[in-house]
Protein backbone atom coordinates (compact mmCIF):
# COMPACT_ATOMS: atom_id res chain seq x y z
CA MET A 1 25.27 -10.11 30.37
CA ALA A 2 21.80 -9.89 31.90
CA THR A 3 20.23 -9.75 28.44
CA GLN A 4 22.17 -12.81 27.30
CA LYS A 5 21.10 -14.79 30.37
CA ALA A 6 17.46 -13.81 29.89
CA GLN A 7 17.21 -14.13 26.11
CA GLY A 8 20.28 -16.07 25.00
CA THR A 9 22.88 -14.81 22.56
CA TYR A 10 21.96 -13.47 19.11
CA GLU A 11 23.53 -16.50 17.45
CA GLU A 12 21.71 -19.03 19.65
CA GLN A 13 18.36 -17.49 18.73
CA TYR A 14 18.94 -18.04 15.04
CA ASN A 15 19.41 -21.77 15.75
CA LEU A 16 15.97 -21.81 17.43
CA LEU A 17 14.13 -20.36 14.44
CA GLU A 18 13.01 -23.72 13.06
CA SER A 19 11.51 -24.71 16.41
CA TYR A 20 9.84 -21.30 16.62
CA ALA A 21 8.33 -21.71 13.13
CA ASN A 22 7.00 -25.18 13.96
CA GLU A 23 5.40 -23.86 17.16
CA LEU A 24 3.67 -21.04 15.26
CA LYS A 25 2.21 -23.47 12.71
CA LYS A 26 1.02 -25.80 15.47
CA ARG A 27 -0.59 -23.08 17.60
CA ILE A 28 -2.07 -21.01 14.74
CA PRO A 29 -3.38 -23.35 12.00
CA GLY A 30 -3.21 -21.83 8.55
CA THR A 31 -0.22 -19.64 9.36
CA SER A 32 2.47 -19.53 6.67
CA VAL A 33 6.04 -19.48 7.98
CA TRP A 34 8.97 -19.93 5.60
CA ILE A 35 12.69 -20.11 6.38
CA GLN A 36 15.36 -20.22 3.69
CA THR A 37 18.87 -21.32 4.68
CA GLU A 38 22.21 -21.85 3.03
CA LEU A 39 23.14 -25.37 4.17
CA GLN A 40 26.67 -25.83 5.43
CA GLU A 41 28.39 -28.21 7.84
CA ASN A 42 27.50 -25.87 10.68
CA PRO A 43 23.84 -25.07 11.43
CA GLY A 44 22.19 -23.24 8.52
CA HIS A 45 22.60 -19.48 8.37
CA HIS A 46 19.20 -17.81 8.49
CA ARG A 47 18.41 -15.68 5.47
CA ARG A 48 14.69 -14.87 5.57
CA ALA A 49 11.67 -15.48 7.82
CA GLY A 50 8.20 -14.77 6.91
CA CYS A 51 -5.61 -8.96 3.03
CA ARG A 52 -9.30 -4.91 0.01
CA PRO A 53 -7.40 -5.51 -3.27
CA ILE A 54 -4.68 -2.89 -2.73
CA ILE A 55 -1.47 -3.87 -0.95
CA GLY A 56 1.27 -1.55 0.29
CA LEU A 57 4.82 -2.86 0.10
CA ASP A 58 7.77 -1.41 1.98
CA GLY A 59 11.06 -2.29 3.62
CA CYS A 60 12.87 -0.89 6.66
CA HIS A 61 16.15 -1.53 8.48
CA LEU A 62 16.63 -3.72 11.51
CA LYS A 63 18.47 -1.96 14.36
CA GLY A 64 20.05 -4.91 16.19
CA VAL A 65 23.53 -6.40 16.07
CA HIS A 66 22.78 -8.47 12.96
CA LYS A 67 21.58 -6.08 10.30
CA GLY A 68 18.92 -6.89 7.74
CA GLN A 69 15.68 -5.64 6.27
CA LEU A 70 12.08 -6.11 7.38
CA LEU A 71 9.83 -6.43 4.33
CA SER A 72 6.08 -6.03 4.78
CA ALA A 73 2.82 -6.33 2.88
CA VAL A 74 0.09 -4.16 4.42
CA GLY A 75 -3.49 -4.05 3.23
CA ILE A 76 -6.43 -1.76 3.92
CA ASP A 77 -9.44 -3.00 5.86
CA GLY A 78 -13.10 -2.13 5.32
CA ASN A 79 -12.77 1.03 7.40
CA ASN A 80 -9.66 2.30 5.56
CA GLY A 81 -7.46 1.12 8.44
CA MET A 82 -4.11 -0.65 8.40
CA TYR A 83 -4.32 -4.43 7.93
CA PRO A 84 -0.90 -6.15 8.07
CA ILE A 85 -0.85 -9.23 5.84
CA ALA A 86 2.69 -10.59 5.88
CA TYR A 87 6.23 -9.67 6.88
CA ALA A 88 9.69 -11.13 6.34
CA ILE A 89 13.23 -10.61 7.56
CA VAL A 90 15.76 -10.74 4.73
CA GLU A 91 19.47 -10.16 4.36
CA GLN A 92 19.07 -7.08 2.17
CA GLU A 93 16.54 -5.37 -0.07
CA THR A 94 17.07 -6.72 -3.59
CA ARG A 95 15.04 -8.00 -6.51
CA ASP A 96 15.80 -11.55 -5.35
CA SER A 97 14.53 -11.00 -1.79
CA TRP A 98 11.41 -9.17 -2.98
CA THR A 99 10.66 -11.97 -5.48
CA TRP A 100 11.07 -14.55 -2.71
CA PHE A 101 8.68 -12.65 -0.42
CA LEU A 102 6.06 -11.88 -3.09
CA THR A 103 6.04 -15.46 -4.38
CA PHE A 104 4.78 -16.70 -1.01
CA LEU A 105 2.37 -13.76 -0.77
CA ARG A 106 0.88 -14.71 -4.15
CA GLU A 107 0.43 -18.33 -3.04
CA ASP A 108 -1.02 -17.51 0.38
CA LEU A 109 -3.54 -14.99 -0.99
CA GLN A 110 -4.21 -17.19 -4.04
CA ILE A 111 -3.75 -14.30 -6.45
CA TYR A 112 -4.33 -16.18 -9.70
CA SER A 113 -5.62 -13.20 -11.67
CA SER A 114 -3.47 -10.20 -10.76
CA VAL A 115 -5.69 -7.81 -12.76
CA HIS A 116 -7.88 -7.46 -9.65
CA TYR A 117 -5.03 -6.22 -7.43
CA ALA A 118 -3.05 -3.01 -7.05
CA PHE A 119 0.24 -2.48 -5.25
CA ILE A 120 1.59 0.79 -3.89
CA SER A 121 5.17 1.49 -2.84
CA ASP A 122 8.00 3.94 -3.14
CA LYS A 123 10.97 3.21 -5.39
CA GLN A 124 12.21 0.15 -3.47
CA LYS A 125 15.28 -1.59 -4.84
CA GLY A 126 14.29 -4.42 -7.19
CA LEU A 127 10.61 -4.25 -6.25
CA GLU A 128 9.20 -2.84 -9.49
CA GLN A 129 10.57 -5.65 -11.62
CA SER A 130 9.47 -8.31 -9.11
CA ILE A 131 5.89 -7.02 -9.29
CA LYS A 132 6.03 -7.08 -13.10
CA ASP A 133 7.27 -10.66 -13.06
CA LEU A 134 4.82 -12.09 -10.51
CA PHE A 135 1.77 -9.85 -11.02
CA PRO A 136 1.99 -8.82 -14.70
CA ASN A 137 -1.59 -7.55 -14.91
CA SER A 138 -1.75 -5.71 -11.61
CA GLU A 139 -1.59 -1.96 -11.12
CA HIS A 140 1.54 -0.59 -9.46
CA ARG A 141 1.16 2.83 -7.87
CA HIS A 142 3.99 4.99 -6.60
CA CYS A 143 3.66 6.94 -3.35
CA VAL A 144 3.30 10.62 -4.33
CA ARG A 145 5.17 11.83 -1.24
CA HIS A 146 8.25 9.91 -2.34
CA LEU A 147 7.67 11.08 -5.91
CA HIS A 148 7.76 14.69 -4.69
CA ASN A 149 10.96 14.01 -2.76
CA ASN A 150 12.54 12.71 -5.98
CA LEU A 151 11.30 15.82 -7.80
CA LYS A 152 13.00 18.03 -5.21
CA GLY A 153 16.13 15.92 -5.39
CA ASP A 154 16.36 16.69 -9.11
CA GLY A 155 16.36 20.41 -8.41
CA HIS A 156 12.65 21.23 -8.83
CA THR A 157 11.90 22.84 -5.47
CA GLY A 158 9.34 25.27 -4.07
CA LEU A 159 5.87 25.17 -2.56
CA ALA A 160 4.21 26.16 -5.86
CA LEU A 161 5.63 23.16 -7.73
CA LYS A 162 4.65 20.86 -4.86
CA GLN A 163 1.04 22.07 -5.02
CA LEU A 164 0.94 21.73 -8.81
CA LEU A 165 2.33 18.17 -8.61
CA TRP A 166 -0.35 17.24 -6.09
CA ALA A 167 -3.03 18.80 -8.31
CA VAL A 168 -1.95 16.46 -11.10
CA ALA A 169 -1.92 13.47 -8.74
CA ARG A 170 -5.38 14.25 -7.30
CA ALA A 171 -7.02 14.79 -10.72
CA ASN A 172 -9.96 12.39 -11.00
CA THR A 173 -10.69 12.79 -14.72
CA MET A 174 -8.62 13.19 -17.86
CA SER A 175 -9.85 16.76 -18.33
CA GLN A 176 -8.71 17.65 -14.79
CA TYR A 177 -5.38 15.93 -15.45
CA ASP A 178 -4.79 17.82 -18.71
CA LYS A 179 -5.63 21.14 -17.05
CA ALA A 180 -3.33 20.44 -14.07
CA MET A 181 -0.48 19.42 -16.36
CA GLU A 182 -0.99 22.60 -18.39
CA GLU A 183 -0.66 24.70 -15.23
CA LEU A 184 2.49 22.77 -14.27
CA GLN A 185 4.02 23.38 -17.71
CA LYS A 186 3.39 27.11 -17.40
CA ALA A 187 5.15 27.19 -14.03
CA SER A 188 8.16 25.05 -14.99
CA PHE A 189 8.76 23.30 -18.29
CA LEU A 190 11.53 21.15 -16.79
CA ALA A 191 9.31 19.98 -13.90
CA TRP A 192 6.52 19.26 -16.41
CA LYS A 193 8.93 17.22 -18.54
CA TRP A 194 10.07 15.38 -15.40
CA CYS A 195 6.46 14.34 -14.72
CA VAL A 196 5.79 13.40 -18.35
CA ASP A 197 8.71 10.97 -18.19
CA ARG A 198 7.01 9.14 -15.30
CA PRO A 199 3.83 7.37 -16.53
CA ALA A 200 0.73 8.87 -14.91
CA CYS A 201 -0.78 5.38 -14.50
CA HIS A 202 1.54 4.99 -11.49
CA TRP A 203 0.66 8.17 -9.59
CA SER A 204 -2.40 10.10 -10.89
CA ARG A 205 -5.96 9.11 -9.95
CA SER A 206 -7.11 10.05 -13.45
CA HIS A 207 -5.21 7.05 -14.83
CA PHE A 208 -5.97 4.46 -12.10
CA LYS A 209 -8.04 1.37 -12.92
CA ASP A 210 -11.59 1.80 -11.66
CA GLN A 211 -11.99 -1.88 -10.71
CA ILE A 212 -9.90 -1.39 -7.58
CA LYS A 213 -12.33 1.13 -6.02
CA CYS A 214 -9.56 2.74 -4.00
CA ASP A 215 -7.88 6.04 -4.88
CA ILE A 216 -5.11 6.35 -2.26
CA LEU A 217 -1.95 8.17 -3.33
CA LEU A 218 0.25 7.55 -0.28
CA ASN A 219 1.77 4.42 1.20
CA ASN A 220 0.98 5.60 4.73
CA HIS A 221 -0.27 2.19 5.86
CA SER A 222 3.09 0.54 5.27
CA GLU A 223 5.02 3.39 6.86
CA SER A 224 2.71 3.30 9.89
CA PHE A 225 3.40 -0.41 10.25
CA ASN A 226 7.16 0.19 10.14
CA LYS A 227 6.87 2.82 12.86
CA SER A 228 4.63 0.63 15.04
CA VAL A 229 7.31 -2.10 15.19
CA LEU A 230 10.27 0.24 15.73
CA ASP A 231 11.08 -1.13 19.19
CA ALA A 232 10.84 -4.72 17.93
CA ARG A 233 13.33 -3.94 15.16
CA LYS A 234 15.97 -3.16 17.80
CA LYS A 235 15.78 -6.62 19.42
CA PRO A 236 17.33 -10.01 18.64
CA ILE A 237 15.56 -12.18 16.08
CA LEU A 238 13.13 -14.14 18.30
CA PRO A 239 11.96 -11.24 20.50
CA CYS A 240 11.66 -9.17 17.31
CA LEU A 241 9.38 -11.73 15.63
CA GLU A 242 7.40 -12.33 18.82
CA ASP A 243 6.81 -8.62 19.45
CA ILE A 244 5.55 -8.16 15.90
CA ARG A 245 3.28 -11.21 16.13
CA LYS A 246 1.74 -10.12 19.45
CA ALA A 247 1.26 -6.54 18.26
CA LEU A 248 -0.61 -7.75 15.15
CA MET A 249 -2.69 -10.20 17.19
CA VAL A 250 -3.81 -7.44 19.57
CA ARG A 251 -4.46 -4.98 16.71
CA LEU A 252 -6.64 -7.38 14.71
CA ASN A 253 -8.60 -8.42 17.79
CA HIS A 254 -9.20 -4.76 18.67
CA ARG A 255 -10.51 -4.14 15.14
CA ARG A 256 -12.90 -7.10 15.41
CA ASN A 257 -14.26 -5.83 18.74
CA SER A 258 -14.62 -2.28 17.39
CA ALA A 259 -16.49 -3.45 14.27
CA ALA A 260 -19.07 -5.24 16.42
CA LYS A 261 -19.98 -1.84 17.93
CA TRP A 262 -20.48 0.02 14.64
CA ARG A 263 -23.88 1.69 14.43
CA CYS A 264 -23.97 1.76 10.64
CA MET A 265 -23.60 -0.88 7.91
CA VAL A 266 -20.14 0.41 7.00
CA GLY A 267 -17.15 1.64 8.99
CA PRO A 268 -17.23 5.12 10.55
CA ARG A 269 -14.59 6.47 8.15
CA ILE A 270 -16.51 5.15 5.15
CA GLU A 271 -19.76 6.62 6.48
CA LYS A 272 -18.05 10.01 6.73
CA LEU A 273 -16.97 9.77 3.07
CA LEU A 274 -20.49 8.81 1.99
CA LYS A 275 -21.96 11.82 3.80
CA LYS A 276 -19.40 14.11 2.15
CA ASN A 277 -20.32 12.72 -1.27
CA ALA A 278 -24.00 13.14 -0.48
CA VAL A 279 -23.41 16.87 0.12
CA TRP A 280 -21.48 17.17 -3.15
CA SER A 281 -24.27 15.37 -5.02
CA HIS A 282 -26.55 18.37 -4.43
CA GLU A 283 -24.59 20.08 -7.23
CA TYR A 284 -26.08 17.60 -9.72
CA ARG A 285 -29.37 16.20 -10.95
CA ALA A 286 -30.07 12.75 -12.42
CA LEU A 287 -32.11 12.24 -15.60
CA GLU A 288 -33.24 8.64 -16.10
CA SER A 289 -32.41 7.22 -19.52
CA SER A 290 -33.33 3.56 -18.85
CA ASP A 291 -33.67 1.19 -15.92
CA MET A 292 -29.97 1.21 -15.17
CA ARG A 293 -28.67 4.25 -17.06
CA PHE A 294 -28.79 7.90 -16.05
CA GLU A 295 -27.55 11.18 -17.44
CA ILE A 296 -26.02 13.32 -14.69
CA GLN A 297 -26.02 17.08 -15.15
CA GLY A 298 -24.61 19.77 -12.92
CA ARG A 299 -22.07 22.50 -12.42
CA GLY A 300 -19.95 20.36 -10.12
CA VAL A 301 -17.28 21.40 -7.64
CA ALA A 302 -14.46 21.12 -10.18
CA CYS A 303 -16.13 23.00 -13.07
CA GLN A 304 -15.78 26.65 -13.94
CA SER A 305 -18.59 28.97 -12.97
CA GLY A 306 -21.53 28.70 -15.34
CA VAL A 307 -20.27 25.57 -17.10
CA VAL A 308 -22.64 22.59 -17.02
CA SER A 309 -21.08 19.12 -17.08
CA GLN A 310 -22.88 16.02 -18.42
CA HIS A 311 -21.99 12.43 -17.63
CA SER A 312 -23.45 8.98 -18.25
CA VAL A 313 -23.77 6.56 -15.32
CA GLN A 314 -24.45 2.83 -15.80
CA LEU A 315 -25.57 1.24 -12.53
CA ASP A 316 -25.50 -2.43 -13.56
CA THR A 317 -21.88 -2.23 -14.73
CA MET A 318 -20.93 0.29 -12.02
CA SER A 319 -19.32 2.54 -14.62
CA CYS A 320 -19.48 6.20 -15.59
CA THR A 321 -17.91 8.63 -18.06
């Protein structure tokens, strides 16, 4: 009774959604808020309410009286941190609801050439086909943790198979991929066949497009977002939306303030990666072929003892063999 007096009933809050959406647009210019209703004689029944080139997509359950799904699109910022882009409350997770959500995402982000974007998700219901329809030229990666869970679910269990699967996923070159798959086949032909039936372009770094410049294999950013709004998901519709909005506002402002204090030209996490690569580069030497082309020679961390690898690097096109 106290909750109803303080917040109103669940049903009353749904009738206030249009006013809430108008207030958001007025107070935060440029904000996109969409509400789809099924018009009847009574007030419309609410159905759904709603930046690096890789976007994590995920859905999670609402915990309140009126069930539903919270869909989210979460990007990665310049310091490899979570950057929530958009979220929506829908009646259930289907191809139709994902298409509705992604259509607005495409318009808001002005994704006219989807070849420059990659999406990562687990096997969400209806999501794969929606991505194919709306972003036909984009890369769609599958979270390797969920892939491993599916592998276990099909009877291929054990720590050894898990490590071999991850070796295939982490392979950076085709030669590494072929070697890792060969080791997997030796350990279990059925598990190897299971992996062959799932195109490596969705889950192995060796097959990812190099334009994206991001090699993540897990959809941790989306799952972290879902966990961060767990309490909000237990509340009625308006407090739920308000808690999510305020949490994102505070998070983004904190990131802006933190970035102003960086002592390097890139984020601290990126600087750490650069230093690690600088240490690895001592395994190689560069022979200049022309102004922008080099031949790189070295034993390398992934090569067998005594074997010298040779690669061509083209600086102007930012490409290598």
